[in-house]
């Protein structure tokens, strides 16, 4: 007779999902319960952690990329969590400080719901993408920002397009997942249907190298078609395995 619990335990090698945890009476084993509590705490910490903008700017500078820091209209983290609308608007004083870059692709790095993800993955991703585009900027570091903040920033910069790198909502095993949202002709009022998204960028998800290749492919197609969103299909050819 097949050992079903044993088979389930074997599957744990292939996924971080909580499967085959076992049981102690009517409850989970203590080890599984404590692991859940630790993962939940890590997710909460990721949501509330502050982005170290100085360290991120230094990481970008080490890759030869200049940056500028801005804020959304949210004065603090509590407001950010309660008022998503304010996280989509640029602070008026910071808007005036942006120097237009007509025709460029603006790259906006937002803390979003996981500053941890941005701190770990944003600079390595941009270090691969911008040199391949022959572009050194503009890179804008934004705090208390939502995805649509990129529309406001891109519009102020008169950018051709905007790529928003943002910390995604943490899961119980993914506190450091980075997302990228690409929007053609950004301006306030753009909808999510007008964006392309690359999600789950992290070592255990979509590695940075693969994410950079996908973003560069989408940018190339975006410039050819002059659009993004539901009309820009992700038809990037699958990479061939290395020859033996």
Protein backbone atom coordinates (compact mmCIF):
# COMPACT_ATOMS: atom_id res chain seq x y z
CA UNK A 1 0.00 0.00 0.00
CA UNK A 2 1.33 3.43 -0.93
CA UNK A 3 2.53 5.59 1.96
CA UNK A 4 0.50 8.75 1.18
CA UNK A 5 1.97 10.88 4.04
CA UNK A 6 5.44 9.89 2.91
CA UNK A 7 4.70 10.97 -0.66
CA UNK A 8 3.44 14.33 0.54
CA UNK A 9 6.57 14.87 2.59
CA UNK A 10 8.64 14.15 -0.51
CA UNK A 11 6.85 16.94 -2.38
CA UNK A 12 8.10 19.48 0.17
CA UNK A 13 11.46 19.41 -1.60
CA UNK A 14 9.89 21.16 -4.59
CA UNK A 15 7.81 23.94 -3.02
CA UNK A 16 7.89 26.42 -0.14
CA UNK A 17 4.11 25.96 0.22
CA UNK A 18 2.92 24.60 3.55
CA UNK A 19 2.07 21.01 2.69
CA UNK A 20 2.53 17.75 4.60
CA UNK A 21 2.86 19.55 7.92
CA UNK A 22 1.62 16.62 9.93
CA UNK A 23 -0.66 16.88 12.96
CA UNK A 24 -0.65 16.62 16.71
CA UNK A 25 -4.15 15.57 17.68
CA UNK A 26 -6.47 18.13 16.10
CA UNK A 27 -3.75 20.77 15.74
CA UNK A 28 -0.55 21.37 13.82
CA UNK A 29 2.74 20.18 15.29
CA UNK A 30 4.52 22.82 17.36
CA UNK A 31 7.33 23.18 14.82
CA UNK A 32 4.90 23.95 11.97
CA UNK A 33 2.93 26.38 14.14
CA UNK A 34 6.05 28.29 15.15
CA UNK A 35 7.28 28.41 11.53
CA UNK A 36 3.93 29.91 10.50
CA UNK A 37 4.15 32.54 13.22
CA UNK A 38 7.69 33.44 12.16
CA UNK A 39 6.67 33.76 8.50
CA UNK A 40 3.70 35.93 9.45
CA UNK A 41 5.96 38.21 11.51
CA UNK A 42 8.42 38.49 8.59
CA UNK A 43 5.58 39.51 6.26
CA UNK A 44 4.37 42.17 8.72
CA UNK A 45 7.91 43.48 9.16
CA UNK A 46 8.32 43.75 5.38
CA UNK A 47 5.14 45.85 5.09
CA UNK A 48 6.19 48.27 7.81
CA UNK A 49 9.94 48.46 7.13
CA UNK A 50 11.32 51.77 5.86
CA UNK A 51 13.32 51.92 2.65
CA UNK A 52 16.94 52.99 3.20
CA UNK A 53 17.05 55.46 0.32
CA UNK A 54 20.65 56.47 1.00
CA UNK A 55 21.86 52.88 0.80
CA UNK A 56 19.84 52.28 -2.36
CA UNK A 57 21.23 55.43 -3.97
CA UNK A 58 24.74 54.24 -3.08
CA UNK A 59 24.06 50.83 -4.65
CA UNK A 60 22.84 52.54 -7.82
CA UNK A 61 25.85 54.86 -7.86
CA UNK A 62 28.16 51.85 -7.58
CA UNK A 63 26.54 50.61 -10.82
CA UNK A 64 27.12 54.00 -12.45
CA UNK A 65 23.50 55.12 -12.12
CA UNK A 66 22.45 58.48 -10.71
CA UNK A 67 19.19 58.83 -8.82
CA UNK A 68 16.84 61.32 -7.23
CA UNK A 69 14.62 60.81 -4.20
CA UNK A 70 10.98 61.90 -4.10
CA UNK A 71 7.93 61.29 -1.91
CA UNK A 72 4.31 60.55 -2.55
CA UNK A 73 1.58 62.67 -0.99
CA UNK A 74 1.51 60.28 2.02
CA UNK A 75 3.13 61.90 5.08
CA UNK A 76 3.79 58.59 6.87
CA UNK A 77 3.43 54.82 6.67
CA UNK A 78 0.09 54.69 8.44
CA UNK A 79 -1.41 57.10 5.94
CA UNK A 80 0.11 55.08 3.12
CA UNK A 81 -1.64 51.91 4.28
CA UNK A 82 -4.98 53.66 4.84
CA UNK A 83 -5.01 56.01 1.81
CA UNK A 84 -3.88 54.27 -1.39
CA UNK A 85 -5.03 57.31 -3.38
CA UNK A 86 -2.36 59.51 -1.78
CA UNK A 87 0.31 56.94 -2.60
CA UNK A 88 -0.51 57.44 -6.29
CA UNK A 89 0.19 61.19 -6.20
CA UNK A 90 3.57 62.91 -6.17
CA UNK A 91 4.35 65.41 -3.44
CA UNK A 92 3.99 68.90 -4.94
CA UNK A 93 7.43 70.11 -3.80
CA UNK A 94 9.12 67.07 -5.30
CA UNK A 95 7.24 67.45 -8.57
CA UNK A 96 8.79 70.89 -9.02
CA UNK A 97 12.27 69.42 -8.49
CA UNK A 98 12.01 66.88 -11.32
CA UNK A 99 13.91 67.80 -14.49
CA UNK A 100 12.03 66.80 -17.66
CA UNK A 101 13.65 64.11 -19.82
CA UNK A 102 11.48 63.98 -22.94
CA UNK A 103 11.58 60.70 -24.82
CA UNK A 104 13.40 58.75 -22.09
CA UNK A 105 12.20 55.72 -20.20
CA UNK A 106 11.82 56.73 -16.56
CA UNK A 107 12.69 54.12 -13.95
CA UNK A 108 10.89 54.59 -10.63
CA UNK A 109 11.87 52.53 -7.60
CA UNK A 110 9.08 52.46 -4.99
CA UNK A 111 9.11 50.90 -1.54
CA UNK A 112 5.53 49.68 -2.04
CA UNK A 113 4.52 46.98 0.41
CA UNK A 114 7.99 45.48 0.79
CA UNK A 115 10.99 47.76 1.16
CA UNK A 116 12.99 44.57 1.72
CA UNK A 117 12.34 43.46 -1.87
CA UNK A 118 13.41 46.82 -3.25
CA UNK A 119 16.53 46.95 -1.11
CA UNK A 120 17.64 43.50 -2.27
CA UNK A 121 16.70 43.37 -5.95
CA UNK A 122 16.12 46.83 -7.48
CA UNK A 123 19.73 47.91 -7.94
CA UNK A 124 20.93 44.56 -9.40
CA UNK A 125 18.02 44.60 -11.86
CA UNK A 126 18.63 48.18 -12.99
CA UNK A 127 22.38 47.51 -13.27
CA UNK A 128 21.55 44.93 -15.95
CA UNK A 129 18.77 46.80 -17.75
CA UNK A 130 19.90 50.42 -18.09
CA UNK A 131 23.35 49.77 -19.61
CA UNK A 132 21.70 47.44 -22.15
CA UNK A 133 19.43 50.33 -23.13
CA UNK A 134 22.37 52.74 -23.34
CA UNK A 135 20.69 54.83 -20.66
CA UNK A 136 21.92 56.05 -17.28
CA UNK A 137 18.68 57.54 -16.04
CA UNK A 138 16.50 59.03 -14.91
CA UNK A 139 16.14 56.77 -11.86
CA UNK A 140 13.72 58.10 -9.26
CA UNK A 141 13.58 56.60 -5.77
CA UNK A 142 10.10 57.11 -4.32
CA UNK A 143 8.88 56.46 -0.79
CA UNK A 144 5.31 55.64 0.27
CA UNK A 145 4.52 54.96 -3.38
CA UNK A 146 1.92 52.89 -5.19
CA UNK A 147 2.26 51.61 -8.77
CA UNK A 148 0.35 54.54 -10.25
CA UNK A 149 2.80 57.01 -8.72
CA UNK A 150 4.94 56.18 -11.75
CA UNK A 151 2.28 57.73 -13.99
CA UNK A 152 2.53 61.02 -12.13
CA UNK A 153 6.34 60.94 -12.13
CA UNK A 154 6.55 59.86 -15.77
CA UNK A 155 4.18 62.62 -16.77
CA UNK A 156 6.19 65.24 -14.89
CA UNK A 157 9.36 63.98 -16.60
CA UNK A 158 7.65 63.97 -20.02
CA UNK A 159 8.95 60.41 -20.34
CA UNK A 160 8.21 58.10 -23.24
CA UNK A 161 7.45 55.29 -20.80
CA UNK A 162 7.89 54.42 -17.15
CA UNK A 163 9.02 51.22 -15.45
CA UNK A 164 8.03 51.05 -11.79
CA UNK A 165 10.03 48.66 -9.62
CA UNK A 166 8.00 48.09 -6.47
CA UNK A 167 7.87 45.82 -3.46
CA UNK A 168 4.93 43.43 -3.78
CA UNK A 169 2.51 42.47 -1.05
CA UNK A 170 4.37 39.89 1.10
CA UNK A 171 3.13 36.33 1.32
CA UNK A 172 3.83 33.94 4.16
CA UNK A 173 6.87 32.60 2.34
CA UNK A 174 7.68 35.56 0.08
CA UNK A 175 8.50 38.74 2.04
CA UNK A 176 10.98 40.02 -0.59
CA UNK A 177 9.16 39.75 -3.93
CA UNK A 178 9.77 42.60 -6.41
CA UNK A 179 7.42 43.55 -9.23
CA UNK A 180 7.99 45.69 -12.34
CA UNK A 181 5.16 47.58 -14.07
CA UNK A 182 5.82 48.99 -17.55
CA UNK A 183 3.54 51.74 -18.91
CA UNK A 184 3.71 53.49 -22.28
CA UNK A 185 3.08 57.26 -22.32
CA UNK A 186 2.58 57.59 -18.54
CA UNK A 187 0.22 60.21 -17.17
CA UNK A 188 -2.24 60.35 -14.26
CA UNK A 189 -5.34 58.31 -14.98
CA UNK A 190 -3.69 55.34 -16.67
CA UNK A 191 -5.33 52.04 -15.71
CA UNK A 192 -3.77 48.72 -14.77
CA UNK A 193 -5.00 47.32 -18.11
CA UNK A 194 -2.49 49.66 -19.77
CA UNK A 195 0.51 48.13 -17.99
CA UNK A 196 2.64 45.02 -18.34
CA UNK A 197 3.74 43.35 -15.13
CA UNK A 198 6.71 41.15 -14.26
CA UNK A 199 6.13 39.61 -10.84
CA UNK A 200 7.85 37.57 -8.13
CA UNK A 201 11.40 38.74 -8.86
CA UNK A 202 13.60 37.13 -6.22
CA UNK A 203 16.06 34.28 -5.91
CA UNK A 204 13.35 31.70 -5.18
CA UNK A 205 11.03 33.03 -7.90
CA UNK A 206 12.05 34.77 -11.13
CA UNK A 207 15.82 35.41 -10.87
CA UNK A 208 17.09 38.92 -11.58
CA UNK A 209 18.89 37.89 -14.79
CA UNK A 210 15.72 36.41 -16.26
CA UNK A 211 13.64 39.37 -15.11
CA UNK A 212 16.08 41.77 -16.79
CA UNK A 213 15.88 39.82 -20.06
CA UNK A 214 12.07 39.84 -19.95
CA UNK A 215 11.94 43.58 -19.20
CA UNK A 216 14.32 44.38 -22.06
CA UNK A 217 12.21 42.24 -24.41
CA UNK A 218 9.02 44.04 -23.33
CA UNK A 219 10.67 47.45 -23.76
CA UNK A 220 11.76 46.53 -27.29
CA UNK A 221 8.25 45.40 -28.23
CA UNK A 222 6.71 48.41 -26.50
CA UNK A 223 8.79 50.76 -28.65
CA UNK A 224 7.88 48.85 -31.80
CA UNK A 225 4.15 48.83 -31.10
CA UNK A 226 4.02 52.07 -29.08
CA UNK A 227 1.78 50.57 -26.44
CA UNK A 228 1.69 48.45 -23.30
CA UNK A 229 -0.95 46.53 -21.39
CA UNK A 230 -3.42 43.96 -22.62
CA UNK A 231 -2.48 44.66 -26.24
CA UNK A 232 1.20 43.88 -25.66
CA UNK A 233 1.42 40.12 -25.26
CA UNK A 234 4.37 38.52 -23.52
CA UNK A 235 5.52 36.33 -26.40
CA UNK A 236 9.19 36.28 -25.49
CA UNK A 237 10.75 33.11 -26.95
CA UNK A 238 11.71 30.54 -24.35
CA UNK A 239 15.44 30.39 -23.73
CA UNK A 240 17.14 27.28 -25.05
CA UNK A 241 18.99 25.13 -22.50
CA UNK A 242 22.78 25.39 -22.67
CA UNK A 243 24.40 22.94 -25.09
CA UNK A 244 26.28 20.02 -23.55
